[in-house]
Amino acid sequence: AALNIDEIIGRFVPENAVRVHINVPVANRLSAAAENALQIKTIQLPHCMLEISQRDQRIEQFYQSIWSAPITKNCNLKLGEQVSLIPQYYTQAYKISQDSVFSWEGQSYIWIKEADSYTAVKVDLLASEQQMYIVTAQQSLANKLILTTSVSAVQGVLLGLGE
């Protein structure tokens, strides 16, 4: 069969237009602060690491589409290939003892020592590692004294169960 003048027999894609496309599940259980903190910054592929350059602002069926920077030659990828990758997250997070965390009204908190008193600070739990939690908070926890013992006793005082 002969080709028509209107038929497309091939397309050329510029090298700088070839990118990795990822559908990322949106975690509806995280607070907005934790969700923003967990945005993927780079992806680790078998042979290279790529920056994330674009995010679709729409969420479709609990997934957000993101695209990498243009694929480099050392990535050794082919068009249409499916690969396993590791997302790299960058956030201001802190590693604290699991014993420091208590629940209050369905949220996770820690006690911060300020002068002669303790203040309850809400934290978002991101991960656990052995006996530690990785957490984020609205305020900086750097160089803060965090209560790690008698947490339940202080919580009892908060609830009016004793002094």
Protein backbone atom coordinates (compact mmCIF):
# COMPACT_ATOMS: atom_id res chain seq x y z
CA ALA A 1 0.00 0.00 0.00
CA ALA A 2 1.26 3.42 -0.88
CA LEU A 3 1.67 6.15 1.73
CA ASN A 4 -0.58 9.16 1.70
CA ILE A 5 1.03 12.56 1.95
CA ASP A 6 -0.85 13.17 5.24
CA GLU A 7 0.34 9.95 6.95
CA ILE A 8 2.89 10.18 9.73
CA ILE A 9 5.57 7.51 9.38
CA GLY A 10 7.74 8.59 12.28
CA ARG A 11 8.37 11.26 14.88
CA PHE A 12 11.54 12.64 16.29
CA VAL A 13 11.80 13.50 19.96
CA PRO A 14 14.54 15.93 20.99
CA GLU A 15 16.92 14.41 23.54
CA ASN A 16 16.15 17.13 26.07
CA ALA A 17 12.43 16.25 25.94
CA VAL A 18 12.87 12.64 27.15
CA ARG A 19 12.02 12.49 30.85
CA VAL A 20 10.97 9.98 33.49
CA HIS A 21 7.25 10.17 34.33
CA ILE A 22 6.13 9.01 37.78
CA ASN A 23 2.67 8.65 39.32
CA VAL A 24 3.08 9.31 43.03
CA PRO A 25 0.36 8.24 45.48
CA VAL A 26 -0.92 11.13 47.58
CA ALA A 27 -1.02 10.24 51.26
CA ASN A 28 -4.33 11.58 52.58
CA ARG A 29 -3.40 10.71 56.16
CA LEU A 30 -0.67 13.35 56.43
CA SER A 31 -1.18 16.94 57.44
CA ALA A 32 -0.63 19.64 54.83
CA ALA A 33 2.69 20.55 56.48
CA ALA A 34 3.96 16.98 56.31
CA GLU A 35 2.69 16.58 52.75
CA ASN A 36 4.59 19.68 51.61
CA ALA A 37 7.68 18.53 53.45
CA LEU A 38 7.61 15.18 51.70
CA GLN A 39 7.74 16.42 48.14
CA ILE A 40 10.12 14.35 46.07
CA LYS A 41 13.18 16.37 45.02
CA THR A 42 15.20 13.76 43.09
CA ILE A 43 14.87 10.15 41.94
CA GLN A 44 17.58 7.51 42.09
CA LEU A 45 17.56 5.20 39.05
CA PRO A 46 19.82 2.16 38.60
CA HIS A 47 22.53 4.17 36.78
CA CYS A 48 21.85 7.83 37.60
CA MET A 49 20.07 10.39 39.75
CA LEU A 50 17.70 12.97 38.26
CA GLU A 51 16.14 16.14 39.67
CA ILE A 52 12.36 16.54 39.59
CA SER A 53 11.56 19.42 37.27
CA GLN A 54 7.78 19.47 36.98
CA ARG A 55 4.70 18.52 39.01
CA ASP A 56 1.11 18.28 37.88
CA GLN A 57 -0.96 20.31 40.34
CA ARG A 58 -4.02 18.11 39.77
CA ILE A 59 -4.57 14.94 41.72
CA GLU A 60 -6.21 12.15 39.73
CA GLN A 61 -7.47 9.03 41.51
CA PHE A 62 -5.17 9.77 44.49
CA TYR A 63 -2.05 10.12 42.29
CA GLN A 64 0.04 13.13 41.30
CA SER A 65 2.13 13.08 38.11
CA ILE A 66 5.71 14.32 38.29
CA TRP A 67 8.45 14.49 35.66
CA SER A 68 12.21 14.40 35.95
CA ALA A 69 14.74 16.69 34.36
CA PRO A 70 15.86 15.45 30.91
CA ILE A 71 17.36 11.96 31.00
CA THR A 72 21.14 11.93 30.67
CA LYS A 73 23.08 9.39 28.58
CA ASN A 74 24.56 7.71 31.67
CA CYS A 75 21.00 6.76 32.79
CA ASN A 76 21.03 4.10 30.06
CA LEU A 77 17.22 4.12 29.62
CA LYS A 78 15.10 3.36 26.57
CA LEU A 79 11.84 5.08 25.60
CA GLY A 80 8.88 3.33 27.22
CA GLU A 81 11.06 1.31 29.60
CA GLN A 82 9.67 0.71 33.09
CA VAL A 83 12.22 0.89 35.89
CA SER A 84 12.33 0.75 39.66
CA LEU A 85 13.43 3.95 41.30
CA ILE A 86 13.97 5.37 44.74
CA PRO A 87 12.40 8.77 45.51
CA GLN A 88 14.63 11.17 47.43
CA TYR A 89 12.82 13.46 49.86
CA TYR A 90 14.37 16.54 51.42
CA THR A 91 12.74 18.00 54.48
CA GLN A 92 13.56 19.52 57.84
CA ALA A 93 13.02 16.41 59.95
CA TYR A 94 14.20 15.28 63.36
CA LYS A 95 15.01 11.89 64.83
CA ILE A 96 13.58 11.55 68.34
CA SER A 97 13.01 8.72 70.79
CA GLN A 98 9.68 6.93 70.39
CA ASP A 99 9.29 7.31 74.16
CA SER A 100 9.01 11.09 73.67
CA VAL A 101 5.82 10.91 71.60
CA PHE A 102 2.34 10.86 73.11
CA SER A 103 -1.15 11.04 71.62
CA TRP A 104 -3.63 13.74 72.52
CA GLU A 105 -6.99 14.21 70.77
CA GLY A 106 -5.88 11.94 67.93
CA GLN A 107 -2.64 13.85 67.22
CA SER A 108 1.01 13.13 68.04
CA TYR A 109 2.85 15.48 70.39
CA ILE A 110 6.13 15.85 72.26
CA TRP A 111 7.00 17.89 75.34
CA ILE A 112 9.56 20.70 74.89
CA LYS A 113 11.21 22.20 77.99
CA GLU A 114 10.98 25.99 78.00
CA ALA A 115 12.38 27.73 81.09
CA ASP A 116 10.55 26.13 84.06
CA SER A 117 7.69 24.52 82.14
CA TYR A 118 6.92 22.10 79.33
CA THR A 119 5.03 22.93 76.16
CA ALA A 120 3.22 20.33 74.04
CA VAL A 121 4.34 20.58 70.40
CA LYS A 122 2.43 18.79 67.64
CA VAL A 123 4.59 16.58 65.41
CA ASP A 124 3.92 14.60 62.25
CA LEU A 125 5.38 11.10 62.23
CA LEU A 126 7.12 10.38 58.92
CA ALA A 127 8.89 7.09 59.65
CA SER A 128 10.22 4.87 62.40
CA GLU A 129 13.70 3.46 62.70
CA GLN A 130 14.47 1.04 65.53
CA GLN A 131 13.40 2.91 68.72
CA MET A 132 13.32 6.31 67.01
CA TYR A 133 10.75 8.32 65.04
CA ILE A 134 11.50 10.67 62.17
CA VAL A 135 9.20 13.68 62.69
CA THR A 136 8.45 17.15 61.36
CA ALA A 137 6.98 20.05 63.31
CA GLN A 138 5.70 23.54 62.56
CA GLN A 139 8.47 24.99 64.72
CA SER A 140 12.16 24.10 64.74
CA LEU A 141 13.13 21.39 67.20
CA ALA A 142 16.85 22.04 66.75
CA ASN A 143 18.68 22.38 70.09
CA LYS A 144 15.43 21.95 72.06
CA LEU A 145 15.22 19.85 75.21
CA ILE A 146 12.66 17.11 74.55
CA LEU A 147 11.18 15.12 77.43
CA THR A 148 11.96 11.41 77.02
CA THR A 149 11.02 10.01 80.45
CA SER A 150 7.83 10.39 82.49
CA VAL A 151 5.97 11.48 79.34
CA SER A 152 2.80 9.69 80.49
CA ALA A 153 2.98 11.37 83.91
CA VAL A 154 3.16 14.84 82.36
CA GLN A 155 0.32 13.92 79.99
CA GLY A 156 -1.73 12.89 83.03
CA VAL A 157 -1.22 16.34 84.55
CA LEU A 158 -2.33 17.89 81.25
CA LEU A 159 -5.51 15.82 81.41
CA GLY A 160 -6.11 16.87 85.03
CA LEU A 161 -5.38 13.43 86.49
CA GLY A 162 -2.91 14.62 89.10
CA GLU A 163 0.03 16.86 89.85
